[in-house]
Each structure stands twice: as structure tokens, then as C-alpha cells.
Amino acid sequence: MADKPMGGRKAQAARNDKLILEAAREVFITDPEAPIADVAKLAGVGISALYRRYPSKEDLLRKLCSDGLSRYTELVREAVETEGDPWDAFCTFLRKVVEADTPSITTRLAGTFTPSPDLFEAAVAADAFNRALIDRLKDAGLLRAEIENGDLALVTESVASINLGGAERTRELRLRCLELHLEALRAPGAEPLPGSAPTEEEMGARWKHLEG
């Protein structure tokens, strides 16, 4: 049975929520310290309507991060479970991550709010898929042996930092840069990489931790 269309108030609330989240992403990726009033202004909704949905800025930031993590997890799970050439699945996964711009949430919002227990659990699940994908590629002899989970995070974050020209030009340049990274990630690699991959502790230090 098809879902019934939402009534007037529910439909308006859903539209407002979509506008709020789109505006919040734009505002906070540009300036994580921006006041929540800037989100309401860009979304074109009253501040009271925003607070009814998100009682605090932290609630809104957690929602943004949760949505970004959910999308990322969906993409990495798809790469792990896709049959066929593992390298093609890996490249497709990273291109989709760049297109979805999920790393911008990490690079700009890390440390600006306290993640919930559910968000930590979701991050652990995403991490497990990341490791499964890396193991699959290494078992197939397709990924450089020294590449670890943290390396991939830094690759996507560095690509997400590109912001030149308009939105379409930025997208084009990010995808171009990603292809350079993909060439460097593929086994066997010309020369050994210097240093070591970032540790879980180093990557996790950017985020606030739950108290207690």
C-alpha cells in the first residue's frame, strides 16, 4: 500500500525541516561558530519553528553529522557488498563520497559538539565497513599494503577542502584531485610512503567525548 500523503501541517513541517538542514549545512560548514539565527534566516523560517525542531545548536549539529555519517555508511557498505571488480567498487565509492561531500561535515564540525552514544555506535559501524573494504582490496592485491583506515579519511578530507570558483567548478576540481589520489593508492606504488598512517587516537582526538 502506498504511503498516504502528509497533511498540511505535517507537509509544512517536513518542508521546513528540509530547508533548515540544507541551510544549517551551508552555514556551519562555512562557519561552525555561526549563530543558529543565521540558519533560520537562510532557511526562511522563523526562529521559533527552528527551535521546535532542534532545541539547541548542538542538536542541529548532531543531526547534520548523523545524516552525513548515514550516507557515508550506505556508500561504504555498498562498496563492500558489491560483486565484481573490487577496485572499481572502491573508486566508485570514493567518487560518490566526494559528490555527497560527507567529509565536509567531519572537517568542519569535528569538536564543535558532543556526539551522542548512538552517533558513536554509528561511527563504529562505519569504521567496520571501512576496514572490511580495505581488507578486501589488500587481499586482492589492489591497495598499497601500507594504506590504513586513517589514510583514506585524510584523502577524502583533503579533497573536501578544495573550494575554488563556483559549486560546479569546485566539484570538478575535487573529482580531478581524487583521481590523482586513486593512482597513488593503488598497489604496488612507486616508493614506500614516509611515516605511518594516522592512528585511531589521533583521528578521534578531534571529537568531543561523552562525559562520565
N, C-alpha and C. Protein backbone atom coordinates (compact mmCIF):
# COMPACT_ATOMS: atom_id res chain seq x y z
N MET A 1 0.85 -1.20 0.00
CA MET A 1 0.00 0.00 0.00
C MET A 1 0.88 1.24 0.00
N ALA A 2 0.55 2.19 -0.86
CA ALA A 2 1.34 3.42 -0.97
C ALA A 2 1.13 4.27 0.27
N ASP A 3 2.18 4.98 0.65
CA ASP A 3 2.06 5.88 1.80
C ASP A 3 1.08 6.99 1.49
N LYS A 4 0.27 7.32 2.48
CA LYS A 4 -0.67 8.42 2.30
C LYS A 4 0.08 9.74 2.31
N PRO A 5 -0.36 10.68 1.47
CA PRO A 5 0.29 11.99 1.51
C PRO A 5 0.11 12.64 2.87
N MET A 6 1.13 13.37 3.29
CA MET A 6 1.06 14.03 4.59
C MET A 6 0.07 15.17 4.55
N GLY A 7 -0.56 15.41 5.70
CA GLY A 7 -1.48 16.51 5.80
C GLY A 7 -0.76 17.84 5.74
N GLY A 8 -1.54 18.92 5.73
CA GLY A 8 -0.96 20.25 5.55
C GLY A 8 0.12 20.60 6.55
N ARG A 9 -0.16 20.41 7.84
CA ARG A 9 0.82 20.78 8.88
C ARG A 9 2.05 19.89 8.82
N LYS A 10 1.83 18.57 8.63
CA LYS A 10 2.98 17.65 8.57
C LYS A 10 3.83 17.93 7.34
N ALA A 11 3.17 18.22 6.22
CA ALA A 11 3.90 18.52 5.00
C ALA A 11 4.73 19.78 5.16
N GLN A 12 4.13 20.80 5.79
CA GLN A 12 4.86 22.04 6.02
C GLN A 12 6.03 21.83 6.96
N ALA A 13 5.83 21.00 8.00
CA ALA A 13 6.91 20.71 8.95
C ALA A 13 8.06 19.99 8.25
N ALA A 14 7.70 19.06 7.35
CA ALA A 14 8.72 18.32 6.61
C ALA A 14 9.49 19.25 5.69
N ARG A 15 8.79 20.17 5.04
CA ARG A 15 9.45 21.15 4.17
C ARG A 15 10.38 22.04 4.98
N ASN A 16 9.89 22.49 6.14
CA ASN A 16 10.72 23.35 6.99
C ASN A 16 11.98 22.62 7.45
N ASP A 17 11.80 21.35 7.81
CA ASP A 17 12.95 20.58 8.28
C ASP A 17 13.99 20.45 7.18
N LYS A 18 13.55 20.19 5.97
CA LYS A 18 14.46 20.08 4.83
C LYS A 18 15.20 21.40 4.61
N LEU A 19 14.47 22.50 4.66
CA LEU A 19 15.08 23.82 4.48
C LEU A 19 16.08 24.12 5.59
N ILE A 20 15.72 23.75 6.82
CA ILE A 20 16.60 24.01 7.97
C ILE A 20 17.90 23.23 7.83
N LEU A 21 17.81 21.95 7.47
CA LEU A 21 19.01 21.13 7.37
C LEU A 21 19.91 21.58 6.21
N GLU A 22 19.30 21.94 5.09
CA GLU A 22 20.10 22.43 3.96
C GLU A 22 20.81 23.73 4.34
N ALA A 23 20.07 24.62 5.01
CA ALA A 23 20.67 25.89 5.42
C ALA A 23 21.74 25.67 6.48
N ALA A 24 21.49 24.78 7.43
CA ALA A 24 22.46 24.53 8.50
C ALA A 24 23.76 23.97 7.94
N ARG A 25 23.64 23.08 6.98
CA ARG A 25 24.85 22.53 6.37
C ARG A 25 25.68 23.63 5.73
N GLU A 26 25.01 24.52 4.98
CA GLU A 26 25.73 25.60 4.31
C GLU A 26 26.34 26.57 5.32
N VAL A 27 25.57 26.93 6.33
CA VAL A 27 26.04 27.91 7.31
C VAL A 27 27.19 27.37 8.14
N PHE A 28 27.03 26.16 8.67
CA PHE A 28 28.02 25.65 9.62
C PHE A 28 29.27 25.09 8.96
N ILE A 29 29.17 24.63 7.73
CA ILE A 29 30.38 24.22 7.04
C ILE A 29 31.23 25.46 6.72
N THR A 30 30.55 26.57 6.43
CA THR A 30 31.26 27.82 6.19
C THR A 30 31.84 28.38 7.48
N ASP A 31 31.04 28.34 8.56
CA ASP A 31 31.47 28.89 9.84
C ASP A 31 30.80 28.12 10.98
N PRO A 32 31.50 27.13 11.57
CA PRO A 32 30.91 26.34 12.65
C PRO A 32 30.50 27.17 13.86
N GLU A 33 31.07 28.38 14.00
CA GLU A 33 30.74 29.22 15.15
C GLU A 33 29.54 30.14 14.89
N ALA A 34 28.96 30.05 13.71
CA ALA A 34 27.83 30.93 13.37
C ALA A 34 26.65 30.67 14.30
N PRO A 35 25.88 31.71 14.61
CA PRO A 35 24.71 31.53 15.48
C PRO A 35 23.60 30.80 14.75
N ILE A 36 22.76 30.14 15.51
CA ILE A 36 21.67 29.37 14.91
C ILE A 36 20.67 30.28 14.20
N ALA A 37 20.64 31.55 14.60
CA ALA A 37 19.74 32.50 13.93
C ALA A 37 20.09 32.64 12.45
N ASP A 38 21.37 32.48 12.10
CA ASP A 38 21.77 32.56 10.69
C ASP A 38 21.15 31.43 9.88
N VAL A 39 20.96 30.28 10.52
CA VAL A 39 20.34 29.14 9.85
C VAL A 39 18.87 29.46 9.56
N ALA A 40 18.17 29.98 10.56
CA ALA A 40 16.76 30.32 10.37
C ALA A 40 16.59 31.35 9.27
N LYS A 41 17.48 32.33 9.24
CA LYS A 41 17.39 33.38 8.23
C LYS A 41 17.59 32.81 6.82
N LEU A 42 18.62 31.97 6.65
CA LEU A 42 18.88 31.39 5.33
C LEU A 42 17.78 30.44 4.91
N ALA A 43 17.23 29.70 5.88
CA ALA A 43 16.16 28.74 5.57
C ALA A 43 14.84 29.43 5.29
N GLY A 44 14.72 30.68 5.73
CA GLY A 44 13.46 31.40 5.54
C GLY A 44 12.36 30.94 6.47
N VAL A 45 12.76 30.47 7.67
CA VAL A 45 11.77 30.04 8.66
C VAL A 45 11.96 30.85 9.93
N GLY A 46 10.93 30.91 10.74
CA GLY A 46 11.03 31.63 12.00
C GLY A 46 11.93 30.89 12.98
N ILE A 47 12.58 31.64 13.86
CA ILE A 47 13.47 31.02 14.83
C ILE A 47 12.70 30.09 15.75
N SER A 48 11.44 30.40 16.03
CA SER A 48 10.62 29.54 16.90
C SER A 48 10.36 28.20 16.22
N ALA A 49 10.16 28.21 14.90
CA ALA A 49 9.94 26.97 14.16
C ALA A 49 11.20 26.11 14.19
N LEU A 50 12.35 26.75 14.10
CA LEU A 50 13.61 26.01 14.15
C LEU A 50 13.80 25.38 15.54
N TYR A 51 13.54 26.16 16.60
CA TYR A 51 13.75 25.65 17.95
C TYR A 51 12.75 24.55 18.31
N ARG A 52 11.58 24.56 17.70
CA ARG A 52 10.63 23.47 17.95
C ARG A 52 11.19 22.15 17.44
N ARG A 53 11.95 22.22 16.36
CA ARG A 53 12.51 21.00 15.77
C ARG A 53 13.86 20.66 16.39
N TYR A 54 14.68 21.68 16.64
CA TYR A 54 16.02 21.48 17.20
C TYR A 54 16.21 22.45 18.37
N PRO A 55 16.04 21.95 19.60
CA PRO A 55 16.06 22.84 20.77
C PRO A 55 17.37 23.57 20.99
N SER A 56 18.47 23.07 20.43
CA SER A 56 19.76 23.73 20.62
C SER A 56 20.61 23.58 19.36
N LYS A 57 21.66 24.37 19.30
CA LYS A 57 22.58 24.28 18.18
C LYS A 57 23.25 22.91 18.15
N GLU A 58 23.57 22.37 19.32
CA GLU A 58 24.20 21.04 19.37
C GLU A 58 23.28 19.97 18.78
N ASP A 59 21.99 20.07 19.05
CA ASP A 59 21.05 19.11 18.48
C ASP A 59 21.07 19.16 16.96
N LEU A 60 21.14 20.38 16.44
CA LEU A 60 21.18 20.55 14.99
C LEU A 60 22.49 20.03 14.40
N LEU A 61 23.60 20.29 15.07
CA LEU A 61 24.90 19.79 14.61
C LEU A 61 24.95 18.27 14.64
N ARG A 62 24.39 17.68 15.69
CA ARG A 62 24.36 16.21 15.77
C ARG A 62 23.54 15.61 14.64
N LYS A 63 22.43 16.26 14.31
CA LYS A 63 21.60 15.78 13.21
C LYS A 63 22.34 15.85 11.88
N LEU A 64 23.03 16.96 11.64
CA LEU A 64 23.81 17.09 10.41
C LEU A 64 24.87 15.99 10.31
N CYS A 65 25.58 15.78 11.39
CA CYS A 65 26.63 14.78 11.39
C CYS A 65 26.06 13.38 11.24
N SER A 66 24.94 13.12 11.89
CA SER A 66 24.29 11.82 11.79
C SER A 66 23.86 11.53 10.37
N ASP A 67 23.27 12.52 9.71
CA ASP A 67 22.84 12.34 8.32
C ASP A 67 24.03 12.08 7.40
N GLY A 68 25.11 12.85 7.61
CA GLY A 68 26.30 12.65 6.79
C GLY A 68 26.92 11.28 7.00
N LEU A 69 26.96 10.84 8.26
CA LEU A 69 27.52 9.53 8.56
C LEU A 69 26.65 8.41 8.00
N SER A 70 25.35 8.59 8.05
CA SER A 70 24.44 7.58 7.48
C SER A 70 24.66 7.42 5.99
N ARG A 71 24.82 8.55 5.30
CA ARG A 71 25.06 8.49 3.86
C ARG A 71 26.40 7.84 3.56
N TYR A 72 27.43 8.18 4.33
CA TYR A 72 28.75 7.59 4.14
C TYR A 72 28.69 6.08 4.37
N THR A 73 28.01 5.65 5.44
CA THR A 73 27.92 4.23 5.75
C THR A 73 27.19 3.48 4.65
N GLU A 74 26.16 4.09 4.11
CA GLU A 74 25.42 3.49 2.99
C GLU A 74 26.35 3.26 1.80
N LEU A 75 27.21 4.23 1.53
CA LEU A 75 28.11 4.13 0.38
C LEU A 75 29.21 3.09 0.60
N VAL A 76 29.80 3.07 1.79
CA VAL A 76 30.88 2.12 2.03
C VAL A 76 30.34 0.70 2.13
N ARG A 77 29.14 0.53 2.68
CA ARG A 77 28.53 -0.80 2.72
C ARG A 77 28.29 -1.30 1.30
N GLU A 78 27.81 -0.43 0.45
CA GLU A 78 27.57 -0.79 -0.94
C GLU A 78 28.87 -1.24 -1.62
N ALA A 79 29.97 -0.55 -1.32
CA ALA A 79 31.26 -0.92 -1.92
C ALA A 79 31.72 -2.29 -1.43
N VAL A 80 31.50 -2.57 -0.15
CA VAL A 80 31.92 -3.86 0.41
C VAL A 80 31.09 -5.00 -0.17
N GLU A 81 29.80 -4.76 -0.33
CA GLU A 81 28.89 -5.83 -0.74
C GLU A 81 28.74 -5.99 -2.24
N THR A 82 29.23 -5.01 -3.00
CA THR A 82 29.09 -5.08 -4.46
C THR A 82 29.94 -6.22 -5.03
N GLU A 83 29.34 -7.01 -5.88
CA GLU A 83 30.09 -8.07 -6.57
C GLU A 83 30.81 -7.46 -7.77
N GLY A 84 31.82 -8.16 -8.23
CA GLY A 84 32.57 -7.64 -9.37
C GLY A 84 33.93 -7.14 -8.94
N ASP A 85 34.52 -6.30 -9.76
CA ASP A 85 35.89 -5.85 -9.53
C ASP A 85 35.97 -4.97 -8.28
N PRO A 86 36.76 -5.37 -7.28
CA PRO A 86 36.83 -4.59 -6.03
C PRO A 86 37.39 -3.19 -6.24
N TRP A 87 38.32 -3.03 -7.17
CA TRP A 87 38.89 -1.70 -7.39
C TRP A 87 37.86 -0.75 -7.98
N ASP A 88 37.07 -1.24 -8.91
CA ASP A 88 36.01 -0.40 -9.48
C ASP A 88 35.02 0.02 -8.39
N ALA A 89 34.68 -0.92 -7.50
CA ALA A 89 33.75 -0.61 -6.41
C ALA A 89 34.36 0.44 -5.48
N PHE A 90 35.65 0.31 -5.22
CA PHE A 90 36.35 1.26 -4.35
C PHE A 90 36.37 2.66 -4.96
N CYS A 91 36.71 2.74 -6.23
CA CYS A 91 36.76 4.04 -6.91
C CYS A 91 35.38 4.68 -6.97
N THR A 92 34.37 3.88 -7.27
CA THR A 92 33.00 4.39 -7.30
C THR A 92 32.58 4.92 -5.94
N PHE A 93 32.93 4.19 -4.90
CA PHE A 93 32.63 4.60 -3.53
C PHE A 93 33.24 5.96 -3.21
N LEU A 94 34.53 6.13 -3.48
CA LEU A 94 35.17 7.40 -3.15
C LEU A 94 34.63 8.55 -3.99
N ARG A 95 34.32 8.28 -5.25
CA ARG A 95 33.73 9.35 -6.09
C ARG A 95 32.38 9.77 -5.54
N LYS A 96 31.58 8.82 -5.08
CA LYS A 96 30.27 9.14 -4.52
C LYS A 96 30.42 9.90 -3.20
N VAL A 97 31.43 9.55 -2.42
CA VAL A 97 31.69 10.28 -1.17
C VAL A 97 32.01 11.74 -1.47
N VAL A 98 32.84 11.96 -2.48
CA VAL A 98 33.18 13.32 -2.88
C VAL A 98 31.95 14.06 -3.38
N GLU A 99 31.14 13.38 -4.18
CA GLU A 99 29.91 14.00 -4.71
C GLU A 99 28.97 14.39 -3.57
N ALA A 100 28.83 13.49 -2.59
CA ALA A 100 27.92 13.75 -1.47
C ALA A 100 28.50 14.75 -0.48
N ASP A 101 29.82 14.97 -0.54
CA ASP A 101 30.52 15.92 0.32
C ASP A 101 30.37 15.59 1.80
N THR A 102 30.30 14.29 2.13
CA THR A 102 30.19 13.93 3.54
C THR A 102 31.43 14.31 4.36
N PRO A 103 32.65 14.33 3.79
CA PRO A 103 33.81 14.70 4.62
C PRO A 103 33.78 16.13 5.15
N SER A 104 33.05 17.03 4.47
CA SER A 104 32.98 18.41 4.95
C SER A 104 32.38 18.48 6.34
N ILE A 105 31.45 17.57 6.64
CA ILE A 105 30.87 17.53 7.97
C ILE A 105 31.95 17.23 9.00
N THR A 106 32.82 16.25 8.67
CA THR A 106 33.88 15.87 9.59
C THR A 106 34.90 17.00 9.77
N THR A 107 35.35 17.55 8.67
CA THR A 107 36.43 18.53 8.74
C THR A 107 35.98 19.83 9.40
N ARG A 108 34.74 20.20 9.22
CA ARG A 108 34.30 21.49 9.75
C ARG A 108 33.61 21.40 11.11
N LEU A 109 32.94 20.28 11.40
CA LEU A 109 32.15 20.21 12.62
C LEU A 109 32.81 19.43 13.74
N ALA A 110 33.92 18.74 13.46
CA ALA A 110 34.60 17.95 14.50
C ALA A 110 34.97 18.83 15.68
N GLY A 111 34.57 18.39 16.86
CA GLY A 111 34.93 19.12 18.07
C GLY A 111 33.99 20.25 18.45
N THR A 112 32.95 20.51 17.63
CA THR A 112 32.05 21.62 17.93
C THR A 112 30.84 21.19 18.74
N PHE A 113 30.66 19.88 18.95
CA PHE A 113 29.53 19.39 19.73
C PHE A 113 29.91 18.03 20.31
N THR A 114 29.13 17.59 21.30
CA THR A 114 29.37 16.29 21.91
C THR A 114 28.51 15.24 21.21
N PRO A 115 29.13 14.25 20.57
CA PRO A 115 28.35 13.21 19.90
C PRO A 115 27.52 12.41 20.90
N SER A 116 26.37 11.93 20.45
CA SER A 116 25.53 11.08 21.28
C SER A 116 26.05 9.65 21.25
N PRO A 117 25.62 8.80 22.19
CA PRO A 117 26.02 7.38 22.15
C PRO A 117 25.63 6.73 20.83
N ASP A 118 24.46 7.06 20.30
CA ASP A 118 24.03 6.50 19.01
C ASP A 118 24.98 6.89 17.89
N LEU A 119 25.47 8.12 17.95
CA LEU A 119 26.38 8.58 16.91
C LEU A 119 27.72 7.86 17.00
N PHE A 120 28.18 7.63 18.22
CA PHE A 120 29.41 6.86 18.39
C PHE A 120 29.23 5.44 17.84
N GLU A 121 28.10 4.83 18.13
CA GLU A 121 27.84 3.47 17.64
C GLU A 121 27.80 3.45 16.12
N ALA A 122 27.20 4.46 15.53
CA ALA A 122 27.14 4.54 14.06
C ALA A 122 28.54 4.70 13.47
N ALA A 123 29.38 5.47 14.15
CA ALA A 123 30.75 5.66 13.68
C ALA A 123 31.53 4.36 13.75
N VAL A 124 31.30 3.57 14.80
CA VAL A 124 31.97 2.27 14.92
C VAL A 124 31.54 1.34 13.79
N ALA A 125 30.23 1.37 13.46
CA ALA A 125 29.74 0.54 12.37
C ALA A 125 30.36 0.95 11.03
N ALA A 126 30.45 2.25 10.79
CA ALA A 126 31.06 2.74 9.55
C ALA A 126 32.53 2.33 9.49
N ASP A 127 33.21 2.41 10.63
CA ASP A 127 34.61 2.04 10.69
C ASP A 127 34.81 0.57 10.34
N ALA A 128 33.90 -0.27 10.78
CA ALA A 128 33.99 -1.70 10.48
C ALA A 128 33.87 -1.95 8.97
N PHE A 129 32.99 -1.22 8.32
CA PHE A 129 32.86 -1.36 6.86
C PHE A 129 34.12 -0.85 6.16
N ASN A 130 34.67 0.25 6.67
CA ASN A 130 35.92 0.77 6.09
C ASN A 130 37.01 -0.30 6.12
N ARG A 131 37.15 -0.93 7.27
CA ARG A 131 38.21 -1.92 7.42
C ARG A 131 37.95 -3.15 6.53
N ALA A 132 36.68 -3.52 6.42
CA ALA A 132 36.34 -4.64 5.55
C ALA A 132 36.68 -4.33 4.10
N LEU A 133 36.44 -3.10 3.69
CA LEU A 133 36.75 -2.70 2.32
C LEU A 133 38.26 -2.71 2.09
N ILE A 134 39.00 -2.18 3.04
CA ILE A 134 40.46 -2.17 2.92
C ILE A 134 41.01 -3.60 2.85
N ASP A 135 40.50 -4.47 3.71
CA ASP A 135 40.95 -5.87 3.71
C ASP A 135 40.64 -6.54 2.37
N ARG A 136 39.47 -6.25 1.84
CA ARG A 136 39.09 -6.85 0.55
C ARG A 136 40.05 -6.42 -0.55
N LEU A 137 40.40 -5.15 -0.56
CA LEU A 137 41.31 -4.63 -1.59
C LEU A 137 42.72 -5.19 -1.42
N LYS A 138 43.17 -5.28 -0.18
CA LYS A 138 44.51 -5.81 0.05
C LYS A 138 44.58 -7.30 -0.29
N ASP A 139 43.54 -8.03 0.04
CA ASP A 139 43.51 -9.46 -0.28
C ASP A 139 43.58 -9.68 -1.78
N ALA A 140 43.04 -8.72 -2.53
CA ALA A 140 43.07 -8.82 -3.99
C ALA A 140 44.34 -8.23 -4.58
N GLY A 141 45.22 -7.70 -3.72
CA GLY A 141 46.47 -7.12 -4.19
C GLY A 141 46.29 -5.82 -4.94
N LEU A 142 45.22 -5.08 -4.62
CA LEU A 142 44.89 -3.87 -5.36
C LEU A 142 45.25 -2.58 -4.62
N LEU A 143 45.35 -2.64 -3.29
CA LEU A 143 45.64 -1.46 -2.49
C LEU A 143 47.03 -1.58 -1.88
N ARG A 144 47.76 -0.46 -1.89
CA ARG A 144 49.10 -0.48 -1.28
C ARG A 144 49.03 -1.06 0.12
N ALA A 145 49.99 -1.90 0.44
CA ALA A 145 49.97 -2.63 1.71
C ALA A 145 50.00 -1.72 2.92
N GLU A 146 50.65 -0.55 2.80
CA GLU A 146 50.80 0.31 3.97
C GLU A 146 49.61 1.24 4.21
N ILE A 147 48.61 1.21 3.33
CA ILE A 147 47.44 2.08 3.49
C ILE A 147 46.54 1.56 4.60
N GLU A 148 46.12 2.48 5.48
CA GLU A 148 45.23 2.13 6.58
C GLU A 148 43.98 3.02 6.54
N ASN A 149 43.07 2.74 7.45
CA ASN A 149 41.80 3.45 7.50
C ASN A 149 41.99 4.97 7.59
N GLY A 150 42.90 5.41 8.44
CA GLY A 150 43.12 6.84 8.61
C GLY A 150 43.62 7.52 7.36
N ASP A 151 44.38 6.79 6.54
CA ASP A 151 44.85 7.37 5.28
C ASP A 151 43.68 7.75 4.38
N LEU A 152 42.71 6.86 4.29
CA LEU A 152 41.56 7.14 3.43
C LEU A 152 40.77 8.34 3.94
N ALA A 153 40.65 8.45 5.28
CA ALA A 153 39.94 9.60 5.85
C ALA A 153 40.64 10.90 5.47
N LEU A 154 41.97 10.91 5.54
CA LEU A 154 42.71 12.13 5.21
C LEU A 154 42.61 12.45 3.72
N VAL A 155 42.55 11.42 2.89
CA VAL A 155 42.39 11.66 1.45
C VAL A 155 41.06 12.35 1.17
N THR A 156 39.97 11.83 1.71
CA THR A 156 38.66 12.42 1.44
C THR A 156 38.53 13.81 2.06
N GLU A 157 39.15 14.00 3.23
CA GLU A 157 39.09 15.31 3.87
C GLU A 157 39.91 16.34 3.09
N SER A 158 41.06 15.93 2.57
CA SER A 158 41.87 16.88 1.80
C SER A 158 41.18 17.27 0.51
N VAL A 159 40.51 16.31 -0.12
CA VAL A 159 39.75 16.62 -1.34
C VAL A 159 38.61 17.57 -1.01
N ALA A 160 37.94 17.33 0.12
CA ALA A 160 36.81 18.19 0.51
C ALA A 160 37.23 19.61 0.83
N SER A 161 38.51 19.82 1.11
CA SER A 161 38.99 21.17 1.45
C SER A 161 39.09 22.07 0.21
N ILE A 162 39.03 21.49 -0.99
CA ILE A 162 39.12 22.28 -2.22
C ILE A 162 37.84 23.08 -2.40
N ASN A 163 37.98 24.37 -2.58
CA ASN A 163 36.81 25.24 -2.76
C ASN A 163 37.22 26.42 -3.63
N LEU A 164 37.19 26.21 -4.93
CA LEU A 164 37.60 27.22 -5.90
C LEU A 164 36.49 27.47 -6.91
N GLY A 165 36.25 28.73 -7.22
CA GLY A 165 35.21 29.05 -8.18
C GLY A 165 33.84 28.74 -7.62
N GLY A 166 32.89 28.47 -8.49
CA GLY A 166 31.54 28.14 -8.06
C GLY A 166 31.40 26.68 -7.67
N ALA A 167 30.17 26.27 -7.38
CA ALA A 167 29.92 24.91 -6.93
C ALA A 167 30.32 23.88 -7.97
N GLU A 168 30.01 24.13 -9.23
CA GLU A 168 30.32 23.16 -10.28
C GLU A 168 31.83 23.05 -10.50
N ARG A 169 32.53 24.17 -10.47
CA ARG A 169 33.98 24.14 -10.64
C ARG A 169 34.64 23.45 -9.45
N THR A 170 34.15 23.70 -8.25
CA THR A 170 34.68 23.02 -7.07
C THR A 170 34.48 21.52 -7.19
N ARG A 171 33.31 21.10 -7.61
CA ARG A 171 33.03 19.67 -7.80
C ARG A 171 34.00 19.07 -8.80
N GLU A 172 34.20 19.75 -9.91
CA GLU A 172 35.10 19.26 -10.97
C GLU A 172 36.53 19.11 -10.45
N LEU A 173 37.00 20.09 -9.71
CA LEU A 173 38.36 20.05 -9.20
C LEU A 173 38.54 18.98 -8.11
N ARG A 174 37.52 18.79 -7.30
CA ARG A 174 37.60 17.76 -6.28
C ARG A 174 37.70 16.37 -6.92
N LEU A 175 36.89 16.13 -7.93
CA LEU A 175 36.94 14.83 -8.59
C LEU A 175 38.27 14.63 -9.32
N ARG A 176 38.80 15.70 -9.88
CA ARG A 176 40.10 15.62 -10.55
C ARG A 176 41.19 15.25 -9.53
N CYS A 177 41.18 15.92 -8.39
CA CYS A 177 42.16 15.64 -7.35
C CYS A 177 42.02 14.23 -6.82
N LEU A 178 40.78 13.76 -6.69
CA LEU A 178 40.56 12.40 -6.21
C LEU A 178 41.21 11.38 -7.13
N GLU A 179 41.13 11.59 -8.44
CA GLU A 179 41.73 10.64 -9.38
C GLU A 179 43.25 10.56 -9.18
N LEU A 180 43.88 11.66 -8.83
CA LEU A 180 45.31 11.64 -8.53
C LEU A 180 45.58 10.79 -7.29
N HIS A 181 44.74 10.93 -6.28
CA HIS A 181 44.89 10.12 -5.08
C HIS A 181 44.69 8.64 -5.39
N LEU A 182 43.71 8.33 -6.22
CA LEU A 182 43.43 6.93 -6.54
C LEU A 182 44.64 6.27 -7.21
N GLU A 183 45.30 7.02 -8.07
CA GLU A 183 46.50 6.48 -8.71
C GLU A 183 47.58 6.18 -7.67
N ALA A 184 47.68 7.04 -6.65
CA ALA A 184 48.70 6.85 -5.61
C ALA A 184 48.33 5.73 -4.65
N LEU A 185 47.05 5.45 -4.48
CA LEU A 185 46.61 4.43 -3.54
C LEU A 185 46.76 3.01 -4.09
N ARG A 186 46.77 2.89 -5.38
CA ARG A 186 46.75 1.55 -5.99
C ARG A 186 48.11 0.86 -5.85
N ALA A 187 48.04 -0.42 -5.56
CA ALA A 187 49.26 -1.23 -5.46
C ALA A 187 49.90 -1.37 -6.83
N PRO A 188 51.24 -1.47 -6.91
CA PRO A 188 52.15 -1.62 -5.75
C PRO A 188 52.68 -0.29 -5.24
N GLY A 189 52.56 0.80 -5.99
CA GLY A 189 53.13 2.08 -5.56
C GLY A 189 54.58 2.18 -5.97
N ALA A 190 55.01 3.38 -6.32
CA ALA A 190 56.37 3.56 -6.82
C ALA A 190 57.40 3.47 -5.71
N GLU A 191 57.15 4.15 -4.61
CA GLU A 191 58.10 4.18 -3.49
C GLU A 191 57.33 4.00 -2.18
N PRO A 192 58.00 3.49 -1.14
CA PRO A 192 57.34 3.37 0.16
C PRO A 192 56.90 4.74 0.67
N LEU A 193 55.79 4.77 1.39
CA LEU A 193 55.29 6.02 1.94
C LEU A 193 56.09 6.39 3.20
N PRO A 194 56.36 7.68 3.40
CA PRO A 194 57.07 8.09 4.62
C PRO A 194 56.15 8.04 5.83
N GLY A 195 56.72 7.86 7.00
CA GLY A 195 55.93 7.90 8.22
C GLY A 195 54.94 6.75 8.31
N SER A 196 53.93 6.96 9.14
CA SER A 196 52.91 5.93 9.36
C SER A 196 51.52 6.55 9.24
N ALA A 197 50.53 5.69 9.08
CA ALA A 197 49.15 6.16 8.96
C ALA A 197 48.69 6.79 10.27
N PRO A 198 47.76 7.74 10.22
CA PRO A 198 47.23 8.31 11.46
C PRO A 198 46.55 7.24 12.29
N THR A 199 46.72 7.32 13.60
CA THR A 199 46.13 6.33 14.49
C THR A 199 44.67 6.68 14.81
N GLU A 200 43.96 5.72 15.38
CA GLU A 200 42.59 5.97 15.81
C GLU A 200 42.56 7.08 16.86
N GLU A 201 43.55 7.08 17.73
CA GLU A 201 43.60 8.11 18.78
C GLU A 201 43.78 9.50 18.17
N GLU A 202 44.65 9.60 17.16
CA GLU A 202 44.87 10.90 16.52
C GLU A 202 43.61 11.38 15.80
N MET A 203 42.93 10.48 15.11
CA MET A 203 41.72 10.87 14.38
C MET A 203 40.59 11.20 15.36
N GLY A 204 40.48 10.41 16.43
CA GLY A 204 39.39 10.61 17.38
C GLY A 204 39.58 11.80 18.28
N ALA A 205 40.82 12.29 18.41
CA ALA A 205 41.10 13.42 19.31
C ALA A 205 40.38 14.70 18.88
N ARG A 206 39.95 14.75 17.63
CA ARG A 206 39.28 15.97 17.14
C ARG A 206 37.87 16.09 17.69
N TRP A 207 37.30 14.97 18.14
CA TRP A 207 35.91 14.97 18.57
C TRP A 207 35.80 15.08 20.08
N LYS A 208 34.75 15.75 20.53
CA LYS A 208 34.47 15.79 21.96
C LYS A 208 34.03 14.40 22.41
N HIS A 209 34.33 14.06 23.64
CA HIS A 209 33.96 12.75 24.16
C HIS A 209 32.83 12.88 25.17
N LEU A 210 32.06 11.81 25.26
CA LEU A 210 30.96 11.82 26.23
C LEU A 210 31.52 11.87 27.64
N GLU A 211 30.86 12.60 28.50
CA GLU A 211 31.28 12.68 29.89
C GLU A 211 30.74 11.49 30.67
N GLY A 212 31.53 11.11 31.68
CA GLY A 212 31.07 10.04 32.53
C GLY A 212 31.47 8.68 32.01
